[in-house]
């Protein structure tokens, strides 16, 4: 297939083999981890009492392939839109709602909706199905429309999750404005050093509080193709205000938060061949699990967008980005429309460790559905037990041979070196998540 993948006029359903939702044939990611009609969807689709918090840019709670599992009552938006940054440059753009406060079922960016869909799009005869199609989704919005995530909304989201019975949260982001937070980098001002210390300390306190209250914490590892055990340069910080970034020399004392925070399960991304995605961060100390995140170049020839991950997208966002026309037809190969019984829904191909983490979150939700104990909020399960079963159900995956891997189109100097054993290594951690195994594993 060409790099554009789906044709511009292609809005037809691809019939899946072996049953499943109409677009299941496009979900190579779910096949890889056994989250299919013949796999975990039959044996362990997840329990509605399990509450999955999506700390992201929001969730389109009205999307037809999310709405049945969307918990509107518990969902919250912890951010206020910022039209322009302090220097007058466009950040979130014009506000859509009074007071620049979006409703708790709204997503202008699409990132959070895609994540939520991967976790728990329902079995409703439309579009796709998530890893755990029976669990409940709670929007804990902490990201701006622009995709920037500041510290305070994340602290608010984690505290709320702890106090309201959320069982597992997905964090597919890092805390802005610093990709790497360094406590005493001589290239940073004293105020910048204090800000970064505040991010590390503040987030750790909130993460600890959430974990102590039964919240399993899952994070994307990052997309800078960096060995987090030996980082050398940060090229993109600070990213707020806009265009203030500079090149910083860094070392392993600097942390990407929350991916490198204590108590957080960090997930690297793989493509369709199970090769670590070229963009995915990695590291022996940092990588806990791997999951499908997509890689358009992970195949026999060229680029193919269908090698990335397909999940729900907000129609209003696609219209604003002119990715669909006035009649609702996709104008880009990255967008697919599925119509069933008069209801149409939209989906988008995206790649990133942001797409990998929700696969692990969905598997965690399956485990909690099976083994969680009744509580006043539904069910509860110790995060340490969830973590143990996530690792035990993952498929151990060895480092490539040779361990020093050069991706096509990259220079030899940009090679990624995998350290560790088959049981635990820097590319795959404890292994690639497996929903089918999680559906049958014994405690």
Protein backbone atom coordinates (compact mmCIF):
# COMPACT_ATOMS: atom_id res chain seq x y z
CA UNK A 1 0.00 0.00 0.00
CA UNK A 2 1.02 3.59 -0.57
CA UNK A 3 2.08 5.84 2.26
CA UNK A 4 -1.38 7.37 2.35
CA UNK A 5 -2.80 3.99 3.34
CA UNK A 6 -6.59 4.32 3.11
CA UNK A 7 -7.86 5.96 -0.08
CA UNK A 8 -9.49 9.39 0.13
CA UNK A 9 -12.93 8.05 -0.73
CA UNK A 10 -12.59 4.87 1.31
CA UNK A 11 -15.39 4.95 3.89
CA UNK A 12 -16.35 1.32 3.49
CA UNK A 13 -16.20 -1.23 6.25
CA UNK A 14 -13.44 -3.80 5.98
CA UNK A 15 -15.07 -7.03 7.12
CA UNK A 16 -12.97 -8.65 9.86
CA UNK A 17 -12.04 -12.27 9.71
CA UNK A 18 -13.33 -14.23 12.68
CA UNK A 19 -16.02 -11.73 13.67
CA UNK A 20 -15.61 -8.62 15.77
CA UNK A 21 -16.43 -4.97 15.16
CA UNK A 22 -16.70 -3.63 11.57
CA UNK A 23 -13.18 -2.14 11.54
CA UNK A 24 -11.52 -4.99 13.44
CA UNK A 25 -9.69 -5.95 10.26
CA UNK A 26 -7.69 -2.75 10.56
CA UNK A 27 -6.74 -3.34 14.21
CA UNK A 28 -3.43 -5.20 13.88
CA UNK A 29 -2.62 -3.88 17.35
CA UNK A 30 -5.50 -5.74 18.99
CA UNK A 31 -4.63 -8.94 17.11
CA UNK A 32 -1.06 -8.69 18.41
CA UNK A 33 -2.18 -8.66 22.05
CA UNK A 34 -5.17 -11.00 21.72
CA UNK A 35 -7.82 -8.33 22.37
CA UNK A 36 -10.19 -9.75 19.76
CA UNK A 37 -13.59 -11.36 19.42
CA UNK A 38 -11.94 -14.77 19.61
CA UNK A 39 -9.65 -13.68 22.43
CA UNK A 40 -10.14 -11.57 25.54
CA UNK A 41 -13.32 -9.85 24.34
CA UNK A 42 -15.14 -13.14 24.81
CA UNK A 43 -13.53 -14.33 28.02
CA UNK A 44 -12.84 -11.04 29.83
CA UNK A 45 -14.25 -7.87 28.21
CA UNK A 46 -14.04 -5.94 31.48
CA UNK A 47 -16.49 -4.89 34.16
CA UNK A 48 -18.46 -1.63 34.04
CA UNK A 49 -17.57 -1.09 37.72
CA UNK A 50 -13.90 -0.67 36.78
CA UNK A 51 -13.17 3.05 36.38
CA UNK A 52 -10.39 4.01 33.97
CA UNK A 53 -9.21 7.61 34.20
CA UNK A 54 -7.81 9.19 31.06
CA UNK A 55 -5.55 12.09 32.05
CA UNK A 56 -5.23 13.75 28.68
CA UNK A 57 -6.63 16.48 26.40
CA UNK A 58 -10.20 15.39 27.07
CA UNK A 59 -12.57 12.71 25.81
CA UNK A 60 -15.29 13.22 23.21
CA UNK A 61 -17.99 11.68 25.38
CA UNK A 62 -20.58 12.02 22.61
CA UNK A 63 -18.57 9.96 20.11
CA UNK A 64 -20.84 7.04 19.13
CA UNK A 65 -18.05 4.54 19.76
CA UNK A 66 -17.22 5.92 23.22
CA UNK A 67 -20.52 7.19 24.63
CA UNK A 68 -21.83 3.79 25.89
CA UNK A 69 -18.80 3.48 28.21
CA UNK A 70 -18.39 7.16 29.11
CA UNK A 71 -18.99 8.06 32.76
CA UNK A 72 -20.23 11.63 32.50
CA UNK A 73 -21.01 11.98 36.19
CA UNK A 74 -17.44 11.41 37.33
CA UNK A 75 -15.68 13.16 34.43
CA UNK A 76 -13.98 16.49 35.10
CA UNK A 77 -12.02 19.16 33.22
CA UNK A 78 -9.18 20.60 35.30
CA UNK A 79 -7.90 23.13 32.72
CA UNK A 80 -8.94 26.50 31.37
CA UNK A 81 -8.13 27.22 27.73
CA UNK A 82 -5.29 29.70 27.15
CA UNK A 83 -5.87 31.46 23.82
CA UNK A 84 -2.38 33.03 23.66
CA UNK A 85 0.88 32.53 25.53
CA UNK A 86 2.48 35.37 27.56
CA UNK A 87 4.18 36.69 24.40
CA UNK A 88 0.92 36.89 22.44
CA UNK A 89 1.49 33.79 20.31
CA UNK A 90 -1.46 31.47 19.65
CA UNK A 91 -1.56 28.56 22.09
CA UNK A 92 -5.05 27.06 22.38
CA UNK A 93 -6.65 29.56 20.02
CA UNK A 94 -10.09 31.18 20.46
CA UNK A 95 -12.23 29.81 23.29
CA UNK A 96 -15.20 27.68 22.23
CA UNK A 97 -17.14 28.02 25.49
CA UNK A 98 -17.88 30.73 28.05
CA UNK A 99 -15.06 31.31 30.46
CA UNK A 100 -12.71 29.30 28.23
CA UNK A 101 -13.81 26.20 30.15
CA UNK A 102 -14.69 23.24 27.92
CA UNK A 103 -17.31 20.73 29.07
CA UNK A 104 -16.11 17.47 30.57
CA UNK A 105 -17.13 15.54 27.45
CA UNK A 106 -15.13 17.65 24.99
CA UNK A 107 -11.78 17.19 23.21
CA UNK A 108 -10.44 19.73 20.72
CA UNK A 109 -7.11 17.97 20.23
CA UNK A 110 -8.24 14.38 19.61
CA UNK A 111 -5.34 12.82 21.52
CA UNK A 112 -7.36 11.92 24.61
CA UNK A 113 -10.26 10.55 22.57
CA UNK A 114 -7.90 8.26 20.64
CA UNK A 115 -6.38 7.02 23.92
CA UNK A 116 -9.81 6.42 25.47
CA UNK A 117 -11.02 4.52 22.40
CA UNK A 118 -8.01 2.21 22.49
CA UNK A 119 -8.73 1.42 26.11
CA UNK A 120 -12.47 0.85 25.97
CA UNK A 121 -14.41 1.46 22.76
CA UNK A 122 -17.46 -0.78 23.29
CA UNK A 123 -18.73 -3.85 21.46
CA UNK A 124 -21.63 -2.08 19.76
CA UNK A 125 -21.45 -3.12 16.12
CA UNK A 126 -19.77 0.15 15.10
CA UNK A 127 -16.17 0.92 14.19
CA UNK A 128 -13.54 -0.51 16.53
CA UNK A 129 -13.34 -2.17 19.93
CA UNK A 130 -10.95 -1.28 22.72
CA UNK A 131 -8.78 -3.61 24.76
CA UNK A 132 -11.36 -3.73 27.58
CA UNK A 133 -14.68 -2.88 25.87
CA UNK A 134 -16.76 -3.40 29.00
CA UNK A 135 -15.12 -0.97 31.45
CA UNK A 136 -16.00 2.66 32.20
CA UNK A 137 -14.08 5.68 30.93
CA UNK A 138 -13.63 8.79 33.07
CA UNK A 139 -12.32 12.01 31.53
CA UNK A 140 -9.74 13.61 33.85
CA UNK A 141 -8.65 16.38 31.53
CA UNK A 142 -5.28 17.92 32.35
CA UNK A 143 -4.06 18.92 28.87
CA UNK A 144 -4.64 22.16 27.00
CA UNK A 145 -6.24 22.15 23.53
CA UNK A 146 -2.71 22.64 22.19
CA UNK A 147 -1.50 19.45 23.85
CA UNK A 148 0.50 21.20 26.57
CA UNK A 149 0.26 19.69 30.06
CA UNK A 150 1.02 21.92 33.05
CA UNK A 151 1.74 20.73 36.57
CA UNK A 152 -1.31 21.89 38.54
CA UNK A 153 -4.01 20.23 36.38
CA UNK A 154 -2.09 16.95 36.60
CA UNK A 155 -1.90 17.23 40.38
CA UNK A 156 -5.63 17.97 40.48
CA UNK A 157 -6.44 15.02 38.21
CA UNK A 158 -4.38 12.55 40.24
CA UNK A 159 -5.82 13.76 43.54
CA UNK A 160 -9.34 13.52 42.15
CA UNK A 161 -8.66 10.01 40.86
CA UNK A 162 -7.47 8.96 44.32
CA UNK A 163 -10.49 10.45 46.07
CA UNK A 164 -13.13 9.13 43.65
CA UNK A 165 -12.40 5.45 43.25
CA UNK A 166 -10.58 5.52 39.91
CA UNK A 167 -8.85 2.15 39.47
CA UNK A 168 -6.22 2.92 36.83
CA UNK A 169 -5.11 6.07 35.01
CA UNK A 170 -3.45 6.51 31.63
CA UNK A 171 -0.90 9.33 31.30
CA UNK A 172 0.27 9.65 27.71
CA UNK A 173 2.21 12.89 28.13
CA UNK A 174 5.01 14.64 30.00
CA UNK A 175 4.73 17.69 32.24
CA UNK A 176 5.51 20.90 30.36
CA UNK A 177 7.50 23.02 29.92
CA UNK A 178 10.45 20.66 30.55
CA UNK A 179 10.93 17.41 28.64
CA UNK A 180 13.66 16.59 31.18
CA UNK A 181 13.50 18.02 34.68
CA UNK A 182 16.93 18.66 36.20
CA UNK A 183 17.32 19.73 39.83
CA UNK A 184 20.61 21.60 39.41
CA UNK A 185 21.53 22.02 35.75
CA UNK A 186 24.07 24.87 35.59
CA UNK A 187 22.63 25.89 32.21
CA UNK A 188 19.31 26.74 33.87
CA UNK A 189 18.54 29.80 35.95
CA UNK A 190 17.82 29.44 39.66
CA UNK A 191 14.12 30.00 38.98
CA UNK A 192 14.14 27.31 36.29
CA UNK A 193 15.90 24.87 38.61
CA UNK A 194 13.27 25.50 41.29
CA UNK A 195 10.49 25.01 38.76
CA UNK A 196 11.90 21.65 37.69
CA UNK A 197 12.37 20.52 41.30
CA UNK A 198 8.74 21.44 41.86
CA UNK A 199 7.63 19.25 38.96
CA UNK A 200 9.60 16.25 40.21
CA UNK A 201 8.51 16.63 43.84
CA UNK A 202 4.93 17.72 43.25
CA UNK A 203 4.13 14.97 40.78
CA UNK A 204 5.77 12.32 42.95
CA UNK A 205 3.62 13.35 45.91
CA UNK A 206 0.45 13.23 43.81
CA UNK A 207 1.41 9.91 42.23
CA UNK A 208 2.18 8.43 45.65
CA UNK A 209 -1.16 9.67 46.99
CA UNK A 210 -3.02 8.13 44.06
CA UNK A 211 -1.20 4.81 44.33
CA UNK A 212 -1.83 4.66 48.08
CA UNK A 213 -5.53 5.05 47.29
CA UNK A 214 -5.62 2.14 44.85
CA UNK A 215 -4.87 3.87 41.53
CA UNK A 216 -2.61 1.93 39.15
CA UNK A 217 -0.41 4.42 37.27
CA UNK A 218 0.48 3.86 33.60
CA UNK A 219 2.49 6.24 31.40
CA UNK A 220 3.79 6.52 27.86
CA UNK A 221 7.59 6.41 27.93
CA UNK A 222 8.13 9.20 25.35
CA UNK A 223 8.83 9.73 21.66
CA UNK A 224 12.30 11.27 21.43
CA UNK A 225 14.16 8.06 20.42
CA UNK A 226 16.24 8.50 23.57
CA UNK A 227 17.92 6.03 25.91
CA UNK A 228 16.49 7.41 29.14
CA UNK A 229 19.28 5.71 31.05
CA UNK A 230 21.84 7.86 29.25
CA UNK A 231 20.23 11.07 27.96
CA UNK A 232 22.65 13.66 26.66
CA UNK A 233 20.72 16.54 25.11
CA UNK A 234 17.33 18.19 25.53
CA UNK A 235 16.49 20.16 22.38
CA UNK A 236 12.87 21.13 23.07
CA UNK A 237 12.77 22.64 26.56
CA UNK A 238 11.36 24.90 27.76
CA UNK A 239 8.40 24.66 25.37
CA UNK A 240 6.36 27.38 27.10
CA UNK A 241 6.19 30.26 26.37
CA UNK A 242 6.38 29.18 22.74
CA UNK A 243 9.69 29.37 20.87
CA UNK A 244 11.82 29.67 24.01
CA UNK A 245 13.50 26.27 23.72
CA UNK A 246 17.26 25.95 23.73
CA UNK A 247 19.80 23.14 23.60
CA UNK A 248 20.63 21.81 27.08
CA UNK A 249 23.21 19.22 27.98
CA UNK A 250 21.63 16.78 30.44
CA UNK A 251 22.45 13.51 32.20
CA UNK A 252 20.68 10.63 33.94
CA UNK A 253 19.91 12.76 36.99
CA UNK A 254 17.34 14.59 34.84
CA UNK A 255 13.89 12.98 34.75
CA UNK A 256 11.03 12.82 32.26
CA UNK A 257 7.89 13.11 34.38
CA UNK A 258 5.73 11.08 34.93
CA UNK A 259 7.41 8.33 32.87
CA UNK A 260 10.44 8.18 35.20
CA UNK A 261 8.56 8.87 38.43
CA UNK A 262 8.45 6.15 41.09
CA UNK A 263 5.47 3.81 41.08
CA UNK A 264 4.62 4.48 37.43
CA UNK A 265 4.50 1.70 34.82
CA UNK A 266 6.18 3.07 31.68
CA UNK A 267 5.32 1.65 28.27
CA UNK A 268 7.44 1.68 25.10
CA UNK A 269 5.96 1.38 21.61
CA UNK A 270 6.28 -1.37 18.99
CA UNK A 271 5.20 -1.57 15.36
CA UNK A 272 3.33 -4.39 13.56
CA UNK A 273 6.42 -6.65 13.40
CA UNK A 274 6.98 -6.18 17.16
CA UNK A 275 10.10 -4.14 16.45
CA UNK A 276 10.57 -1.28 18.90
CA UNK A 277 9.26 1.81 17.13
CA UNK A 278 12.03 4.06 15.84
CA UNK A 279 10.70 7.07 17.78
CA UNK A 280 10.11 5.29 21.09
CA UNK A 281 12.24 6.13 24.10
CA UNK A 282 13.75 3.14 25.91
CA UNK A 283 16.06 2.22 28.77
CA UNK A 284 16.82 -0.74 30.99
CA UNK A 285 15.79 1.08 34.18
CA UNK A 286 12.86 2.90 32.61
CA UNK A 287 10.97 0.49 30.33
CA UNK A 288 8.47 -1.66 32.20
CA UNK A 289 6.31 -2.97 29.35
CA UNK A 290 5.91 -2.65 25.59
CA UNK A 291 2.71 -2.39 23.55
CA UNK A 292 1.54 -1.54 20.03
CA UNK A 293 2.11 2.14 19.31
CA UNK A 294 2.50 1.91 15.56
CA UNK A 295 5.31 2.67 13.14
CA UNK A 296 4.51 3.53 9.52
CA UNK A 297 7.98 2.38 8.45
CA UNK A 298 7.81 -1.01 10.20
CA UNK A 299 7.28 -3.19 7.16
CA UNK A 300 8.81 -4.58 4.00
CA UNK A 301 8.78 -1.34 2.00
CA UNK A 302 8.11 2.35 2.38
CA UNK A 303 5.70 4.10 4.66
CA UNK A 304 2.17 2.86 5.29
CA UNK A 305 -0.12 4.72 7.65
CA UNK A 306 -2.15 1.57 8.33
CA UNK A 307 0.84 0.33 10.34
CA UNK A 308 -0.10 2.95 12.94
CA UNK A 309 -2.99 2.64 15.42
CA UNK A 310 -6.62 3.26 14.47
CA UNK A 311 -8.98 4.63 17.14
CA UNK A 312 -11.82 7.11 17.59
CA UNK A 313 -11.53 10.78 16.62
CA UNK A 314 -13.89 13.71 17.38
CA UNK A 315 -15.84 14.79 14.29
CA UNK A 316 -15.64 18.50 15.20
CA UNK A 317 -11.85 18.26 15.46
CA UNK A 318 -11.57 16.59 12.06
CA UNK A 319 -13.77 19.29 10.53
CA UNK A 320 -11.69 22.05 12.12
CA UNK A 321 -8.53 20.48 10.68
CA UNK A 322 -10.23 20.02 7.28
CA UNK A 323 -9.58 16.28 7.39
CA UNK A 324 -13.19 15.62 6.31
CA UNK A 325 -15.24 17.58 3.76
CA UNK A 326 -18.57 19.35 4.19
CA UNK A 327 -20.41 16.08 3.53
CA UNK A 328 -18.35 14.22 6.12
CA UNK A 329 -16.19 12.27 3.70
CA UNK A 330 -12.53 11.73 4.69
CA UNK A 331 -10.10 13.95 2.81
CA UNK A 332 -7.03 12.26 4.26
CA UNK A 333 -5.74 8.73 4.37
CA UNK A 334 -5.33 9.13 8.11
CA UNK A 335 -9.12 9.20 8.64
CA UNK A 336 -11.70 6.41 8.34
CA UNK A 337 -15.48 6.75 8.62
CA UNK A 338 -17.75 3.85 9.56
CA UNK A 339 -21.53 4.07 9.19
CA UNK A 340 -23.89 1.49 10.63
CA UNK A 341 -27.72 1.70 10.86
CA UNK A 342 -27.72 5.42 10.19
CA UNK A 343 -24.97 6.25 12.71
CA UNK A 344 -21.58 7.39 11.45
CA UNK A 345 -18.38 7.64 13.48
CA UNK A 346 -14.84 8.72 12.73
CA UNK A 347 -11.47 7.16 13.43
CA UNK A 348 -7.89 8.30 12.94
CA UNK A 349 -4.53 6.59 12.47
CA UNK A 350 -1.92 7.86 14.96
CA UNK A 351 1.44 6.59 16.20
CA UNK A 352 3.38 7.12 19.41
CA UNK A 353 4.11 5.75 22.84
CA UNK A 354 0.91 7.67 23.62
CA UNK A 355 -0.87 4.97 21.64
CA UNK A 356 1.08 2.16 23.33
CA UNK A 357 0.27 3.09 26.93
CA UNK A 358 -3.53 2.71 26.60
CA UNK A 359 -3.10 -0.88 25.43
CA UNK A 360 -1.37 -1.59 28.74
CA UNK A 361 -4.04 0.39 30.60
CA UNK A 362 -6.73 -1.73 28.95
CA UNK A 363 -4.98 -4.92 30.03
CA UNK A 364 -4.71 -3.53 33.57
CA UNK A 365 -8.47 -2.89 33.46
CA UNK A 366 -9.05 -6.54 32.48
CA UNK A 367 -6.96 -7.68 35.45
CA UNK A 368 -8.82 -5.38 37.85
CA UNK A 369 -12.15 -6.59 36.43
CA UNK A 370 -11.19 -10.17 37.16
CA UNK A 371 -9.51 -9.84 40.54
CA UNK A 372 -10.68 -6.55 42.04
CA UNK A 373 -12.59 -6.71 45.32
CA UNK A 374 -15.92 -4.91 45.89
CA UNK A 375 -15.63 -1.38 47.28
CA UNK A 376 -17.91 1.60 47.88
CA UNK A 377 -16.79 2.98 44.50
CA UNK A 378 -17.21 -0.30 42.59
CA UNK A 379 -14.09 -2.43 42.84
CA UNK A 380 -10.55 -1.98 44.10
CA UNK A 381 -7.23 -3.76 43.68
CA UNK A 382 -3.78 -3.02 45.06
CA UNK A 383 -1.64 -1.41 42.33
CA UNK A 384 1.27 -3.70 43.28
CA UNK A 385 -0.91 -6.73 42.50
CA UNK A 386 -2.07 -5.24 39.20
CA UNK A 387 1.54 -4.54 38.27
CA UNK A 388 2.63 -8.07 39.16
CA UNK A 389 -0.06 -9.63 36.95
CA UNK A 390 0.62 -7.20 34.11
CA UNK A 391 4.25 -8.32 34.09
CA UNK A 392 3.36 -12.00 34.51
CA UNK A 393 0.91 -11.94 31.60
CA UNK A 394 3.22 -10.03 29.23
CA UNK A 395 5.09 -11.91 26.50
CA UNK A 396 8.85 -11.75 27.20
CA UNK A 397 10.59 -10.38 24.11
CA UNK A 398 14.37 -10.49 23.67
CA UNK A 399 16.63 -7.72 22.42
CA UNK A 400 17.31 -7.71 18.67
CA UNK A 401 20.43 -9.45 17.41
CA UNK A 402 22.71 -7.54 17.15
CA UNK A 403 21.64 -5.49 20.14
CA UNK A 404 22.80 -2.27 18.48
CA UNK A 405 19.97 -1.59 16.04
CA UNK A 406 20.17 0.93 13.20
CA UNK A 407 16.79 1.94 11.79
CA UNK A 408 16.49 2.43 8.04
CA UNK A 409 17.00 6.07 7.18
CA UNK A 410 18.98 6.72 10.37
CA UNK A 411 22.73 7.13 10.69
CA UNK A 412 24.85 4.64 12.58
CA UNK A 413 25.42 7.28 15.25
CA UNK A 414 21.68 7.20 15.95
CA UNK A 415 21.63 3.45 16.61
CA UNK A 416 19.61 2.25 19.59
CA UNK A 417 21.29 -0.30 21.86
CA UNK A 418 19.12 -2.76 23.80
CA UNK A 419 20.43 -3.83 27.19
CA UNK A 420 19.21 -6.63 29.42
CA UNK A 421 17.82 -10.15 29.16
CA UNK A 422 14.74 -11.63 27.54
CA UNK A 423 13.01 -11.42 30.91
CA UNK A 424 13.68 -7.68 31.28
CA UNK A 425 15.36 -5.35 28.80
CA UNK A 426 15.47 -1.75 27.70
CA UNK A 427 13.34 -2.12 24.57
CA UNK A 428 10.46 -4.27 25.89
CA UNK A 429 10.74 -4.24 29.68
CA UNK A 430 9.00 -7.35 31.02
CA UNK A 431 7.51 -7.97 27.57
CA UNK A 432 4.69 -7.02 25.21
CA UNK A 433 1.32 -6.79 26.97
CA UNK A 434 -1.08 -9.65 26.29
CA UNK A 435 -4.82 -9.22 26.88
CA UNK A 436 -5.56 -12.87 26.09
CA UNK A 437 -3.13 -14.06 28.76
CA UNK A 438 -4.43 -11.50 31.24
CA UNK A 439 -7.93 -12.87 30.61
CA UNK A 440 -6.91 -16.35 31.73
CA UNK A 441 -3.98 -15.87 34.13
CA UNK A 442 -4.38 -17.10 37.69
CA UNK A 443 -3.28 -14.90 40.59
